Each structure stands twice: as C-alpha cells, then as structure tokens.
Amino acid sequence: MLRNLQKVFIGSSQLPNDYPVTAIGDSVAITFDNDNQDVVVVSTFKNKTNSR
C-alpha cells in the first residue's frame, strides 16, 4: 500500500494501455526502483481491478 507516501510516480508510454484508464481506488501492481527520490519512474504496471 502506498497511501501517504510523498512521492510522484511517473510512467512512460511503454507501459500497458490500462495505465491511463486506472482510477482512484483501483487495485494495481507496480514495480519501481526505490532510490529515495521524490519522483519515481514506474518499471511495470498492472491494473488488477480491470484485468481481463
């Protein structure tokens, strides 16, 4: 859970199509490098709420 984490997560256009249609409250799985920066680049993204 990432609540109250003061970071900005960004993703590239290389991430799956479900990235831009994810809504607040959806369950997602992401991977990222935790390098203690305020802006974090997401490596992988999966919306578990909208899975097909």
N, C-alpha and C. Protein backbone atom coordinates (compact mmCIF):
# COMPACT_ATOMS: atom_id res chain seq x y z
N MET A 1 0.84 -1.17 0.00
CA MET A 1 0.00 0.00 0.00
C MET A 1 0.89 1.24 0.00
N LEU A 2 0.52 2.20 -0.81
CA LEU A 2 1.33 3.41 -0.95
C LEU A 2 0.66 4.65 -0.41
N ARG A 3 -0.34 4.49 0.41
CA ARG A 3 -1.03 5.67 0.97
C ARG A 3 -0.06 6.51 1.79
N ASN A 4 -0.25 7.80 1.71
CA ASN A 4 0.53 8.78 2.46
C ASN A 4 2.01 8.77 2.10
N LEU A 5 2.36 8.22 0.97
CA LEU A 5 3.74 8.24 0.50
C LEU A 5 3.91 9.51 -0.31
N GLN A 6 4.82 10.36 0.09
CA GLN A 6 5.00 11.66 -0.55
C GLN A 6 5.94 11.55 -1.74
N LYS A 7 5.51 10.83 -2.76
CA LYS A 7 6.30 10.64 -3.98
C LYS A 7 5.40 10.84 -5.19
N VAL A 8 6.00 11.18 -6.30
CA VAL A 8 5.30 11.28 -7.57
C VAL A 8 5.76 10.10 -8.41
N PHE A 9 4.80 9.29 -8.88
CA PHE A 9 5.11 8.13 -9.71
C PHE A 9 4.79 8.48 -11.15
N ILE A 10 5.76 8.29 -12.04
CA ILE A 10 5.54 8.58 -13.45
C ILE A 10 5.79 7.31 -14.26
N GLY A 11 5.10 7.21 -15.38
CA GLY A 11 5.28 6.06 -16.27
C GLY A 11 5.43 6.54 -17.70
N SER A 12 6.11 5.74 -18.47
CA SER A 12 6.33 6.11 -19.87
C SER A 12 5.22 5.55 -20.75
N SER A 13 5.27 5.92 -22.01
CA SER A 13 4.29 5.40 -22.97
C SER A 13 4.52 3.92 -23.26
N GLN A 14 5.60 3.36 -22.76
CA GLN A 14 5.90 1.94 -22.95
C GLN A 14 5.08 1.05 -22.01
N LEU A 15 4.42 1.64 -21.02
CA LEU A 15 3.60 0.86 -20.09
C LEU A 15 2.31 0.42 -20.77
N PRO A 16 1.64 -0.60 -20.23
CA PRO A 16 0.42 -1.14 -20.84
C PRO A 16 -0.69 -0.09 -21.00
N ASN A 17 -1.66 -0.41 -21.85
CA ASN A 17 -2.77 0.51 -22.15
C ASN A 17 -3.67 0.79 -20.94
N ASP A 18 -3.68 -0.07 -19.93
CA ASP A 18 -4.56 0.16 -18.78
C ASP A 18 -4.02 1.24 -17.85
N TYR A 19 -2.79 1.70 -18.06
CA TYR A 19 -2.22 2.75 -17.23
C TYR A 19 -3.05 4.04 -17.25
N PRO A 20 -3.42 4.58 -18.42
CA PRO A 20 -4.15 5.85 -18.42
C PRO A 20 -5.61 5.74 -17.99
N VAL A 21 -6.20 4.56 -17.93
CA VAL A 21 -7.61 4.44 -17.55
C VAL A 21 -7.79 3.94 -16.12
N THR A 22 -6.73 3.89 -15.36
CA THR A 22 -6.81 3.48 -13.97
C THR A 22 -7.39 4.61 -13.15
N ALA A 23 -8.31 4.27 -12.25
CA ALA A 23 -9.00 5.27 -11.43
C ALA A 23 -8.57 5.15 -9.96
N ILE A 24 -8.82 6.20 -9.22
CA ILE A 24 -8.57 6.18 -7.78
C ILE A 24 -9.37 5.04 -7.17
N GLY A 25 -8.71 4.22 -6.37
CA GLY A 25 -9.37 3.10 -5.72
C GLY A 25 -9.14 1.78 -6.42
N ASP A 26 -8.66 1.79 -7.67
CA ASP A 26 -8.33 0.55 -8.37
C ASP A 26 -7.15 -0.12 -7.68
N SER A 27 -7.12 -1.43 -7.75
CA SER A 27 -6.00 -2.20 -7.22
C SER A 27 -4.99 -2.39 -8.33
N VAL A 28 -3.73 -2.00 -8.08
CA VAL A 28 -2.69 -2.11 -9.10
C VAL A 28 -1.45 -2.78 -8.51
N ALA A 29 -0.66 -3.34 -9.39
CA ALA A 29 0.65 -3.88 -9.03
C ALA A 29 1.69 -3.13 -9.86
N ILE A 30 2.69 -2.57 -9.19
CA ILE A 30 3.74 -1.84 -9.89
C ILE A 30 5.10 -2.30 -9.37
N THR A 31 6.11 -2.09 -10.20
CA THR A 31 7.49 -2.23 -9.74
C THR A 31 8.21 -0.94 -10.08
N PHE A 32 9.15 -0.60 -9.20
CA PHE A 32 9.93 0.62 -9.38
C PHE A 32 11.20 0.51 -8.57
N ASP A 33 12.18 1.33 -8.91
CA ASP A 33 13.42 1.40 -8.14
C ASP A 33 13.22 2.41 -7.02
N ASN A 34 13.42 1.97 -5.79
CA ASN A 34 13.29 2.86 -4.64
C ASN A 34 14.64 3.51 -4.37
N ASP A 35 14.87 4.65 -5.02
CA ASP A 35 16.16 5.32 -4.88
C ASP A 35 16.07 6.59 -4.04
N ASN A 36 15.04 6.69 -3.21
CA ASN A 36 14.85 7.81 -2.28
C ASN A 36 14.74 9.16 -2.96
N GLN A 37 14.21 9.18 -4.18
CA GLN A 37 13.94 10.42 -4.89
C GLN A 37 12.46 10.77 -4.74
N ASP A 38 12.11 12.04 -4.94
CA ASP A 38 10.71 12.46 -4.85
C ASP A 38 9.90 12.03 -6.07
N VAL A 39 10.57 11.86 -7.21
CA VAL A 39 9.91 11.40 -8.44
C VAL A 39 10.43 9.99 -8.73
N VAL A 40 9.49 9.04 -8.87
CA VAL A 40 9.83 7.64 -9.06
C VAL A 40 9.34 7.18 -10.43
N VAL A 41 10.20 6.54 -11.21
CA VAL A 41 9.83 6.02 -12.52
C VAL A 41 9.32 4.59 -12.35
N VAL A 42 8.09 4.35 -12.80
CA VAL A 42 7.47 3.03 -12.71
C VAL A 42 8.04 2.14 -13.80
N SER A 43 8.48 0.93 -13.41
CA SER A 43 9.05 -0.02 -14.36
C SER A 43 7.98 -0.90 -15.00
N THR A 44 7.08 -1.44 -14.18
CA THR A 44 5.97 -2.25 -14.70
C THR A 44 4.69 -1.81 -14.02
N PHE A 45 3.58 -2.01 -14.72
CA PHE A 45 2.28 -1.58 -14.21
C PHE A 45 1.21 -2.57 -14.62
N LYS A 46 0.37 -2.99 -13.69
CA LYS A 46 -0.75 -3.90 -13.98
C LYS A 46 -1.95 -3.45 -13.15
N ASN A 47 -3.04 -3.12 -13.83
CA ASN A 47 -4.29 -2.79 -13.13
C ASN A 47 -5.01 -4.09 -12.83
N LYS A 48 -5.04 -4.49 -11.56
CA LYS A 48 -5.66 -5.75 -11.16
C LYS A 48 -7.17 -5.65 -11.10
N THR A 49 -7.71 -4.46 -10.97
CA THR A 49 -9.16 -4.25 -10.94
C THR A 49 -9.78 -4.48 -12.32
N ASN A 50 -9.12 -4.01 -13.37
CA ASN A 50 -9.64 -4.11 -14.73
C ASN A 50 -9.03 -5.25 -15.52
N SER A 51 -8.43 -6.24 -14.87
CA SER A 51 -7.81 -7.36 -15.58
C SER A 51 -8.84 -8.14 -16.38
N ARG A 52 -8.39 -8.66 -17.50
CA ARG A 52 -9.29 -9.47 -18.33
C ARG A 52 -8.70 -10.83 -18.51
